[in-house]
Amino acid sequence: MPVWKQEHPGVEAMNVAVMGCIVN
């Protein structure tokens, strides 16, 4: 984030999902 904050404005609003099975 310290680097991305300078080079990629708006990235702090990104959501990443890491899910463990097929149900959800």
mmCIF file of all heavy atoms, coordinates in Angstrom:
data_MODEL
# 
_entry.id   MODEL 
# 
loop_
_atom_site.group_PDB 
_atom_site.id 
_atom_site.type_symbol 
_atom_site.label_atom_id 
_atom_site.label_alt_id 
_atom_site.label_comp_id 
_atom_site.label_asym_id 
_atom_site.label_entity_id 
_atom_site.label_seq_id 
_atom_site.pdbx_PDB_ins_code 
_atom_site.Cartn_x 
_atom_site.Cartn_y 
_atom_site.Cartn_z 
_atom_site.occupancy 
_atom_site.B_iso_or_equiv 
_atom_site.pdbx_formal_charge 
_atom_site.auth_seq_id 
_atom_site.auth_comp_id 
_atom_site.auth_asym_id 
_atom_site.auth_atom_id 
_atom_site.pdbx_PDB_model_num 
ATOM 1   N N   . MET A 1 1  ? 0.781   -1.236  0.000   1.00 0.00 ? 1  MET A N   1 
ATOM 2   C CA  . MET A 1 1  ? 0.000   0.000   0.000   1.00 0.00 ? 1  MET A CA  1 
ATOM 3   C C   . MET A 1 1  ? 0.819   1.295   0.000   1.00 0.00 ? 1  MET A C   1 
ATOM 4   O O   . MET A 1 1  ? 0.457   2.243   -0.706  1.00 0.00 ? 1  MET A O   1 
ATOM 5   C CB  . MET A 1 1  ? -0.994  0.008   1.161   1.00 0.00 ? 1  MET A CB  1 
ATOM 6   C CG  . MET A 1 1  ? -2.349  -0.555  0.798   1.00 0.00 ? 1  MET A CG  1 
ATOM 7   S SD  . MET A 1 1  ? -3.046  0.129   -0.719  1.00 0.00 ? 1  MET A SD  1 
ATOM 8   C CE  . MET A 1 1  ? -3.322  1.836   -0.250  1.00 0.00 ? 1  MET A CE  1 
ATOM 9   N N   . PRO A 1 2  ? 1.920   1.413   0.755   1.00 0.00 ? 2  PRO A N   1 
ATOM 10  C CA  . PRO A 1 2  ? 2.670   2.679   0.692   1.00 0.00 ? 2  PRO A CA  1 
ATOM 11  C C   . PRO A 1 2  ? 3.112   3.031   -0.722  1.00 0.00 ? 2  PRO A C   1 
ATOM 12  O O   . PRO A 1 2  ? 3.120   4.209   -1.104  1.00 0.00 ? 2  PRO A O   1 
ATOM 13  C CB  . PRO A 1 2  ? 3.873   2.407   1.618   1.00 0.00 ? 2  PRO A CB  1 
ATOM 14  C CG  . PRO A 1 2  ? 3.373   1.408   2.599   1.00 0.00 ? 2  PRO A CG  1 
ATOM 15  C CD  . PRO A 1 2  ? 2.470   0.508   1.792   1.00 0.00 ? 2  PRO A CD  1 
ATOM 16  N N   . VAL A 1 3  ? 3.477   2.019   -1.524  1.00 0.00 ? 3  VAL A N   1 
ATOM 17  C CA  . VAL A 1 3  ? 3.881   2.265   -2.913  1.00 0.00 ? 3  VAL A CA  1 
ATOM 18  C C   . VAL A 1 3  ? 2.647   2.471   -3.784  1.00 0.00 ? 3  VAL A C   1 
ATOM 19  O O   . VAL A 1 3  ? 2.569   3.417   -4.581  1.00 0.00 ? 3  VAL A O   1 
ATOM 20  C CB  . VAL A 1 3  ? 4.722   1.083   -3.444  1.00 0.00 ? 3  VAL A CB  1 
ATOM 21  C CG1 . VAL A 1 3  ? 5.046   1.283   -4.924  1.00 0.00 ? 3  VAL A CG1 1 
ATOM 22  C CG2 . VAL A 1 3  ? 5.999   0.944   -2.627  1.00 0.00 ? 3  VAL A CG2 1 
ATOM 23  N N   . TRP A 1 4  ? 1.670   1.580   -3.649  1.00 0.00 ? 4  TRP A N   1 
ATOM 24  C CA  . TRP A 1 4  ? 0.464   1.682   -4.469  1.00 0.00 ? 4  TRP A CA  1 
ATOM 25  C C   . TRP A 1 4  ? -0.274  2.994   -4.247  1.00 0.00 ? 4  TRP A C   1 
ATOM 26  O O   . TRP A 1 4  ? -0.870  3.538   -5.174  1.00 0.00 ? 4  TRP A O   1 
ATOM 27  C CB  . TRP A 1 4  ? -0.466  0.515   -4.156  1.00 0.00 ? 4  TRP A CB  1 
ATOM 28  C CG  . TRP A 1 4  ? -0.061  -0.780  -4.795  1.00 0.00 ? 4  TRP A CG  1 
ATOM 29  C CD1 . TRP A 1 4  ? 0.962   -0.970  -5.687  1.00 0.00 ? 4  TRP A CD1 1 
ATOM 30  C CD2 . TRP A 1 4  ? -0.673  -2.065  -4.604  1.00 0.00 ? 4  TRP A CD2 1 
ATOM 31  N NE1 . TRP A 1 4  ? 1.033   -2.294  -6.061  1.00 0.00 ? 4  TRP A NE1 1 
ATOM 32  C CE2 . TRP A 1 4  ? 0.032   -2.989  -5.417  1.00 0.00 ? 4  TRP A CE2 1 
ATOM 33  C CE3 . TRP A 1 4  ? -1.731  -2.514  -3.839  1.00 0.00 ? 4  TRP A CE3 1 
ATOM 34  C CZ2 . TRP A 1 4  ? -0.308  -4.339  -5.464  1.00 0.00 ? 4  TRP A CZ2 1 
ATOM 35  C CZ3 . TRP A 1 4  ? -2.068  -3.854  -3.889  1.00 0.00 ? 4  TRP A CZ3 1 
ATOM 36  C CH2 . TRP A 1 4  ? -1.358  -4.757  -4.697  1.00 0.00 ? 4  TRP A CH2 1 
ATOM 37  N N   . LYS A 1 5  ? -0.237  3.485   -3.003  1.00 0.00 ? 5  LYS A N   1 
ATOM 38  C CA  . LYS A 1 5  ? -0.943  4.736   -2.688  1.00 0.00 ? 5  LYS A CA  1 
ATOM 39  C C   . LYS A 1 5  ? -0.445  5.879   -3.563  1.00 0.00 ? 5  LYS A C   1 
ATOM 40  O O   . LYS A 1 5  ? -1.208  6.760   -3.958  1.00 0.00 ? 5  LYS A O   1 
ATOM 41  C CB  . LYS A 1 5  ? -0.743  5.071   -1.207  1.00 0.00 ? 5  LYS A CB  1 
ATOM 42  C CG  . LYS A 1 5  ? -1.680  6.129   -0.674  1.00 0.00 ? 5  LYS A CG  1 
ATOM 43  C CD  . LYS A 1 5  ? -1.516  6.257   0.829   1.00 0.00 ? 5  LYS A CD  1 
ATOM 44  C CE  . LYS A 1 5  ? -2.472  7.288   1.395   1.00 0.00 ? 5  LYS A CE  1 
ATOM 45  N NZ  . LYS A 1 5  ? -2.331  7.419   2.862   1.00 0.00 ? 5  LYS A NZ  1 
ATOM 46  N N   . GLN A 1 6  ? 0.856   5.864   -3.860  1.00 0.00 ? 6  GLN A N   1 
ATOM 47  C CA  . GLN A 1 6  ? 1.450   6.912   -4.686  1.00 0.00 ? 6  GLN A CA  1 
ATOM 48  C C   . GLN A 1 6  ? 1.227   6.653   -6.177  1.00 0.00 ? 6  GLN A C   1 
ATOM 49  O O   . GLN A 1 6  ? 0.974   7.578   -6.945  1.00 0.00 ? 6  GLN A O   1 
ATOM 50  C CB  . GLN A 1 6  ? 2.959   7.005   -4.409  1.00 0.00 ? 6  GLN A CB  1 
ATOM 51  C CG  . GLN A 1 6  ? 3.312   7.275   -2.950  1.00 0.00 ? 6  GLN A CG  1 
ATOM 52  C CD  . GLN A 1 6  ? 2.747   8.584   -2.439  1.00 0.00 ? 6  GLN A CD  1 
ATOM 53  O OE1 . GLN A 1 6  ? 2.728   9.581   -3.158  1.00 0.00 ? 6  GLN A OE1 1 
ATOM 54  N NE2 . GLN A 1 6  ? 2.273   8.584   -1.196  1.00 0.00 ? 6  GLN A NE2 1 
ATOM 55  N N   . GLU A 1 7  ? 1.315   5.390   -6.571  1.00 0.00 ? 7  GLU A N   1 
ATOM 56  C CA  . GLU A 1 7  ? 1.302   5.052   -8.000  1.00 0.00 ? 7  GLU A CA  1 
ATOM 57  C C   . GLU A 1 7  ? -0.063  4.639   -8.529  1.00 0.00 ? 7  GLU A C   1 
ATOM 58  O O   . GLU A 1 7  ? -0.314  4.716   -9.735  1.00 0.00 ? 7  GLU A O   1 
ATOM 59  C CB  . GLU A 1 7  ? 2.311   3.926   -8.266  1.00 0.00 ? 7  GLU A CB  1 
ATOM 60  C CG  . GLU A 1 7  ? 3.753   4.304   -7.919  1.00 0.00 ? 7  GLU A CG  1 
ATOM 61  C CD  . GLU A 1 7  ? 4.723   3.163   -8.155  1.00 0.00 ? 7  GLU A CD  1 
ATOM 62  O OE1 . GLU A 1 7  ? 4.257   2.062   -8.551  1.00 0.00 ? 7  GLU A OE1 1 
ATOM 63  O OE2 . GLU A 1 7  ? 5.934   3.366   -7.947  1.00 0.00 ? 7  GLU A OE2 1 
ATOM 64  N N   . HIS A 1 8  ? -0.947  4.183   -7.639  1.00 0.00 ? 8  HIS A N   1 
ATOM 65  C CA  . HIS A 1 8  ? -2.245  3.654   -8.090  1.00 0.00 ? 8  HIS A CA  1 
ATOM 66  C C   . HIS A 1 8  ? -3.371  4.204   -7.218  1.00 0.00 ? 8  HIS A C   1 
ATOM 67  O O   . HIS A 1 8  ? -3.948  3.471   -6.391  1.00 0.00 ? 8  HIS A O   1 
ATOM 68  C CB  . HIS A 1 8  ? -2.231  2.124   -8.060  1.00 0.00 ? 8  HIS A CB  1 
ATOM 69  C CG  . HIS A 1 8  ? -1.139  1.499   -8.876  1.00 0.00 ? 8  HIS A CG  1 
ATOM 70  N ND1 . HIS A 1 8  ? -1.148  1.498   -10.251 1.00 0.00 ? 8  HIS A ND1 1 
ATOM 71  C CD2 . HIS A 1 8  ? 0.021   0.893   -8.493  1.00 0.00 ? 8  HIS A CD2 1 
ATOM 72  C CE1 . HIS A 1 8  ? -0.058  0.890   -10.697 1.00 0.00 ? 8  HIS A CE1 1 
ATOM 73  N NE2 . HIS A 1 8  ? 0.670   0.521   -9.653  1.00 0.00 ? 8  HIS A NE2 1 
ATOM 74  N N   . PRO A 1 9  ? -3.706  5.472   -7.367  1.00 0.00 ? 9  PRO A N   1 
ATOM 75  C CA  . PRO A 1 9  ? -4.755  6.073   -6.535  1.00 0.00 ? 9  PRO A CA  1 
ATOM 76  C C   . PRO A 1 9  ? -6.090  5.345   -6.700  1.00 0.00 ? 9  PRO A C   1 
ATOM 77  O O   . PRO A 1 9  ? -6.477  4.978   -7.813  1.00 0.00 ? 9  PRO A O   1 
ATOM 78  C CB  . PRO A 1 9  ? -4.832  7.513   -7.050  1.00 0.00 ? 9  PRO A CB  1 
ATOM 79  C CG  . PRO A 1 9  ? -4.182  7.494   -8.397  1.00 0.00 ? 9  PRO A CG  1 
ATOM 80  C CD  . PRO A 1 9  ? -3.154  6.430   -8.349  1.00 0.00 ? 9  PRO A CD  1 
ATOM 81  N N   . GLY A 1 10 ? -6.768  5.154   -5.572  1.00 0.00 ? 10 GLY A N   1 
ATOM 82  C CA  . GLY A 1 10 ? -8.059  4.473   -5.577  1.00 0.00 ? 10 GLY A CA  1 
ATOM 83  C C   . GLY A 1 10 ? -7.975  2.996   -5.270  1.00 0.00 ? 10 GLY A C   1 
ATOM 84  O O   . GLY A 1 10 ? -9.004  2.353   -5.013  1.00 0.00 ? 10 GLY A O   1 
ATOM 85  N N   . VAL A 1 11 ? -6.754  2.425   -5.264  1.00 0.00 ? 11 VAL A N   1 
ATOM 86  C CA  . VAL A 1 11 ? -6.607  0.986   -5.047  1.00 0.00 ? 11 VAL A CA  1 
ATOM 87  C C   . VAL A 1 11 ? -7.066  0.577   -3.650  1.00 0.00 ? 11 VAL A C   1 
ATOM 88  O O   . VAL A 1 11 ? -7.451  -0.577  -3.424  1.00 0.00 ? 11 VAL A O   1 
ATOM 89  C CB  . VAL A 1 11 ? -5.142  0.554   -5.284  1.00 0.00 ? 11 VAL A CB  1 
ATOM 90  C CG1 . VAL A 1 11 ? -4.229  1.105   -4.199  1.00 0.00 ? 11 VAL A CG1 1 
ATOM 91  C CG2 . VAL A 1 11 ? -5.035  -0.970  -5.361  1.00 0.00 ? 11 VAL A CG2 1 
ATOM 92  N N   . GLU A 1 12 ? -7.075  1.538   -2.705  1.00 0.00 ? 12 GLU A N   1 
ATOM 93  C CA  . GLU A 1 12 ? -7.476  1.195   -1.341  1.00 0.00 ? 12 GLU A CA  1 
ATOM 94  C C   . GLU A 1 12 ? -8.931  0.738   -1.249  1.00 0.00 ? 12 GLU A C   1 
ATOM 95  O O   . GLU A 1 12 ? -9.329  0.124   -0.268  1.00 0.00 ? 12 GLU A O   1 
ATOM 96  C CB  . GLU A 1 12 ? -7.249  2.388   -0.400  1.00 0.00 ? 12 GLU A CB  1 
ATOM 97  C CG  . GLU A 1 12 ? -8.028  3.629   -0.740  1.00 0.00 ? 12 GLU A CG  1 
ATOM 98  C CD  . GLU A 1 12 ? -7.332  4.531   -1.746  1.00 0.00 ? 12 GLU A CD  1 
ATOM 99  O OE1 . GLU A 1 12 ? -6.310  4.110   -2.321  1.00 0.00 ? 12 GLU A OE1 1 
ATOM 100 O OE2 . GLU A 1 12 ? -7.830  5.651   -1.959  1.00 0.00 ? 12 GLU A OE2 1 
ATOM 101 N N   . ALA A 1 13 ? -9.736  1.011   -2.282  1.00 0.00 ? 13 ALA A N   1 
ATOM 102 C CA  . ALA A 1 13 ? -11.145 0.598   -2.270  1.00 0.00 ? 13 ALA A CA  1 
ATOM 103 C C   . ALA A 1 13 ? -11.359 -0.783  -2.876  1.00 0.00 ? 13 ALA A C   1 
ATOM 104 O O   . ALA A 1 13 ? -12.480 -1.289  -2.894  1.00 0.00 ? 13 ALA A O   1 
ATOM 105 C CB  . ALA A 1 13 ? -11.988 1.624   -3.028  1.00 0.00 ? 13 ALA A CB  1 
ATOM 106 N N   . MET A 1 14 ? -10.286 -1.414  -3.338  1.00 0.00 ? 14 MET A N   1 
ATOM 107 C CA  . MET A 1 14 ? -10.404 -2.724  -3.985  1.00 0.00 ? 14 MET A CA  1 
ATOM 108 C C   . MET A 1 14 ? -10.762 -3.806  -2.968  1.00 0.00 ? 14 MET A C   1 
ATOM 109 O O   . MET A 1 14 ? -10.281 -3.800  -1.840  1.00 0.00 ? 14 MET A O   1 
ATOM 110 C CB  . MET A 1 14 ? -9.080  -3.073  -4.668  1.00 0.00 ? 14 MET A CB  1 
ATOM 111 C CG  . MET A 1 14 ? -9.078  -4.398  -5.421  1.00 0.00 ? 14 MET A CG  1 
ATOM 112 S SD  . MET A 1 14 ? -7.537  -4.674  -6.333  1.00 0.00 ? 14 MET A SD  1 
ATOM 113 C CE  . MET A 1 14 ? -6.396  -5.003  -4.973  1.00 0.00 ? 14 MET A CE  1 
ATOM 114 N N   . ASN A 1 15 ? -11.599 -4.761  -3.379  1.00 0.00 ? 15 ASN A N   1 
ATOM 115 C CA  . ASN A 1 15 ? -11.951 -5.916  -2.555  1.00 0.00 ? 15 ASN A CA  1 
ATOM 116 C C   . ASN A 1 15 ? -11.451 -7.189  -3.213  1.00 0.00 ? 15 ASN A C   1 
ATOM 117 O O   . ASN A 1 15 ? -11.604 -7.376  -4.428  1.00 0.00 ? 15 ASN A O   1 
ATOM 118 C CB  . ASN A 1 15 ? -13.473 -6.021  -2.373  1.00 0.00 ? 15 ASN A CB  1 
ATOM 119 C CG  . ASN A 1 15 ? -13.996 -4.982  -1.404  1.00 0.00 ? 15 ASN A CG  1 
ATOM 120 O OD1 . ASN A 1 15 ? -13.318 -4.612  -0.457  1.00 0.00 ? 15 ASN A OD1 1 
ATOM 121 N ND2 . ASN A 1 15 ? -15.210 -4.509  -1.636  1.00 0.00 ? 15 ASN A ND2 1 
ATOM 122 N N   . VAL A 1 16 ? -10.860 -8.055  -2.415  1.00 0.00 ? 16 VAL A N   1 
ATOM 123 C CA  . VAL A 1 16 ? -10.352 -9.340  -2.898  1.00 0.00 ? 16 VAL A CA  1 
ATOM 124 C C   . VAL A 1 16 ? -11.003 -10.449 -2.075  1.00 0.00 ? 16 VAL A C   1 
ATOM 125 O O   . VAL A 1 16 ? -10.991 -10.393 -0.839  1.00 0.00 ? 16 VAL A O   1 
ATOM 126 C CB  . VAL A 1 16 ? -8.814  -9.419  -2.767  1.00 0.00 ? 16 VAL A CB  1 
ATOM 127 C CG1 . VAL A 1 16 ? -8.305  -10.770 -3.253  1.00 0.00 ? 16 VAL A CG1 1 
ATOM 128 C CG2 . VAL A 1 16 ? -8.146  -8.292  -3.546  1.00 0.00 ? 16 VAL A CG2 1 
ATOM 129 N N   . ALA A 1 17 ? -11.568 -11.444 -2.747  1.00 0.00 ? 17 ALA A N   1 
ATOM 130 C CA  . ALA A 1 17 ? -12.216 -12.560 -2.052  1.00 0.00 ? 17 ALA A CA  1 
ATOM 131 C C   . ALA A 1 17 ? -11.380 -13.821 -2.194  1.00 0.00 ? 17 ALA A C   1 
ATOM 132 O O   . ALA A 1 17 ? -10.959 -14.174 -3.298  1.00 0.00 ? 17 ALA A O   1 
ATOM 133 C CB  . ALA A 1 17 ? -13.622 -12.789 -2.617  1.00 0.00 ? 17 ALA A CB  1 
ATOM 134 N N   . VAL A 1 18 ? -11.120 -14.479 -1.074  1.00 0.00 ? 18 VAL A N   1 
ATOM 135 C CA  . VAL A 1 18 ? -10.428 -15.770 -1.069  1.00 0.00 ? 18 VAL A CA  1 
ATOM 136 C C   . VAL A 1 18 ? -11.338 -16.748 -0.341  1.00 0.00 ? 18 VAL A C   1 
ATOM 137 O O   . VAL A 1 18 ? -11.459 -16.710 0.884   1.00 0.00 ? 18 VAL A O   1 
ATOM 138 C CB  . VAL A 1 18 ? -9.052  -15.682 -0.375  1.00 0.00 ? 18 VAL A CB  1 
ATOM 139 C CG1 . VAL A 1 18 ? -8.374  -17.044 -0.390  1.00 0.00 ? 18 VAL A CG1 1 
ATOM 140 C CG2 . VAL A 1 18 ? -8.166  -14.646 -1.059  1.00 0.00 ? 18 VAL A CG2 1 
ATOM 141 N N   . MET A 1 19 ? -11.988 -17.618 -1.104  1.00 0.00 ? 19 MET A N   1 
ATOM 142 C CA  . MET A 1 19 ? -13.004 -18.509 -0.545  1.00 0.00 ? 19 MET A CA  1 
ATOM 143 C C   . MET A 1 19 ? -12.520 -19.956 -0.573  1.00 0.00 ? 19 MET A C   1 
ATOM 144 O O   . MET A 1 19 ? -11.696 -20.335 -1.399  1.00 0.00 ? 19 MET A O   1 
ATOM 145 C CB  . MET A 1 19 ? -14.311 -18.353 -1.321  1.00 0.00 ? 19 MET A CB  1 
ATOM 146 C CG  . MET A 1 19 ? -14.820 -16.916 -1.401  1.00 0.00 ? 19 MET A CG  1 
ATOM 147 S SD  . MET A 1 19 ? -15.070 -16.151 0.220   1.00 0.00 ? 19 MET A SD  1 
ATOM 148 C CE  . MET A 1 19 ? -16.456 -17.115 0.814   1.00 0.00 ? 19 MET A CE  1 
ATOM 149 N N   . GLY A 1 20 ? -13.100 -20.771 0.355   1.00 0.00 ? 20 GLY A N   1 
ATOM 150 C CA  . GLY A 1 20 ? -12.545 -22.097 0.578   1.00 0.00 ? 20 GLY A CA  1 
ATOM 151 C C   . GLY A 1 20 ? -13.255 -23.265 -0.064  1.00 0.00 ? 20 GLY A C   1 
ATOM 152 O O   . GLY A 1 20 ? -12.738 -24.373 -0.033  1.00 0.00 ? 20 GLY A O   1 
ATOM 153 N N   . CYS A 1 21 ? -14.450 -23.059 -0.647  1.00 0.00 ? 21 CYS A N   1 
ATOM 154 C CA  . CYS A 1 21 ? -15.123 -24.196 -1.288  1.00 0.00 ? 21 CYS A CA  1 
ATOM 155 C C   . CYS A 1 21 ? -16.198 -23.682 -2.237  1.00 0.00 ? 21 CYS A C   1 
ATOM 156 O O   . CYS A 1 21 ? -16.410 -22.479 -2.379  1.00 0.00 ? 21 CYS A O   1 
ATOM 157 C CB  . CYS A 1 21 ? -15.717 -25.150 -0.248  1.00 0.00 ? 21 CYS A CB  1 
ATOM 158 S SG  . CYS A 1 21 ? -17.252 -24.560 0.505   1.00 0.00 ? 21 CYS A SG  1 
ATOM 159 N N   . ILE A 1 22 ? -16.925 -24.615 -2.836  1.00 0.00 ? 22 ILE A N   1 
ATOM 160 C CA  . ILE A 1 22 ? -17.867 -24.278 -3.895  1.00 0.00 ? 22 ILE A CA  1 
ATOM 161 C C   . ILE A 1 22 ? -19.182 -23.698 -3.378  1.00 0.00 ? 22 ILE A C   1 
ATOM 162 O O   . ILE A 1 22 ? -19.951 -23.103 -4.142  1.00 0.00 ? 22 ILE A O   1 
ATOM 163 C CB  . ILE A 1 22 ? -18.144 -25.544 -4.753  1.00 0.00 ? 22 ILE A CB  1 
ATOM 164 C CG1 . ILE A 1 22 ? -18.730 -25.150 -6.114  1.00 0.00 ? 22 ILE A CG1 1 
ATOM 165 C CG2 . ILE A 1 22 ? -19.060 -26.520 -3.994  1.00 0.00 ? 22 ILE A CG2 1 
ATOM 166 C CD1 . ILE A 1 22 ? -18.807 -26.310 -7.085  1.00 0.00 ? 22 ILE A CD1 1 
ATOM 167 N N   . VAL A 1 23 ? -19.488 -23.836 -2.070  1.00 0.00 ? 23 VAL A N   1 
ATOM 168 C CA  . VAL A 1 23 ? -20.796 -23.426 -1.549  1.00 0.00 ? 23 VAL A CA  1 
ATOM 169 C C   . VAL A 1 23 ? -21.031 -21.928 -1.762  1.00 0.00 ? 23 VAL A C   1 
ATOM 170 O O   . VAL A 1 23 ? -21.992 -21.512 -2.411  1.00 0.00 ? 23 VAL A O   1 
ATOM 171 C CB  . VAL A 1 23 ? -20.933 -23.791 -0.053  1.00 0.00 ? 23 VAL A CB  1 
ATOM 172 C CG1 . VAL A 1 23 ? -22.241 -23.235 0.505   1.00 0.00 ? 23 VAL A CG1 1 
ATOM 173 C CG2 . VAL A 1 23 ? -20.903 -25.304 0.122   1.00 0.00 ? 23 VAL A CG2 1 
ATOM 174 N N   . ASN A 1 24 ? -20.178 -21.094 -1.186  1.00 0.00 ? 24 ASN A N   1 
ATOM 175 C CA  . ASN A 1 24 ? -20.305 -19.642 -1.353  1.00 0.00 ? 24 ASN A CA  1 
ATOM 176 C C   . ASN A 1 24 ? -19.183 -19.034 -2.191  1.00 0.00 ? 24 ASN A C   1 
ATOM 177 O O   . ASN A 1 24 ? -19.218 -17.847 -2.500  1.00 0.00 ? 24 ASN A O   1 
ATOM 178 C CB  . ASN A 1 24 ? -20.310 -18.941 0.014   1.00 0.00 ? 24 ASN A CB  1 
ATOM 179 C CG  . ASN A 1 24 ? -21.583 -19.192 0.784   1.00 0.00 ? 24 ASN A CG  1 
ATOM 180 O OD1 . ASN A 1 24 ? -22.667 -19.214 0.218   1.00 0.00 ? 24 ASN A OD1 1 
ATOM 181 N ND2 . ASN A 1 24 ? -21.455 -19.409 2.091   1.00 0.00 ? 24 ASN A ND2 1 
# 
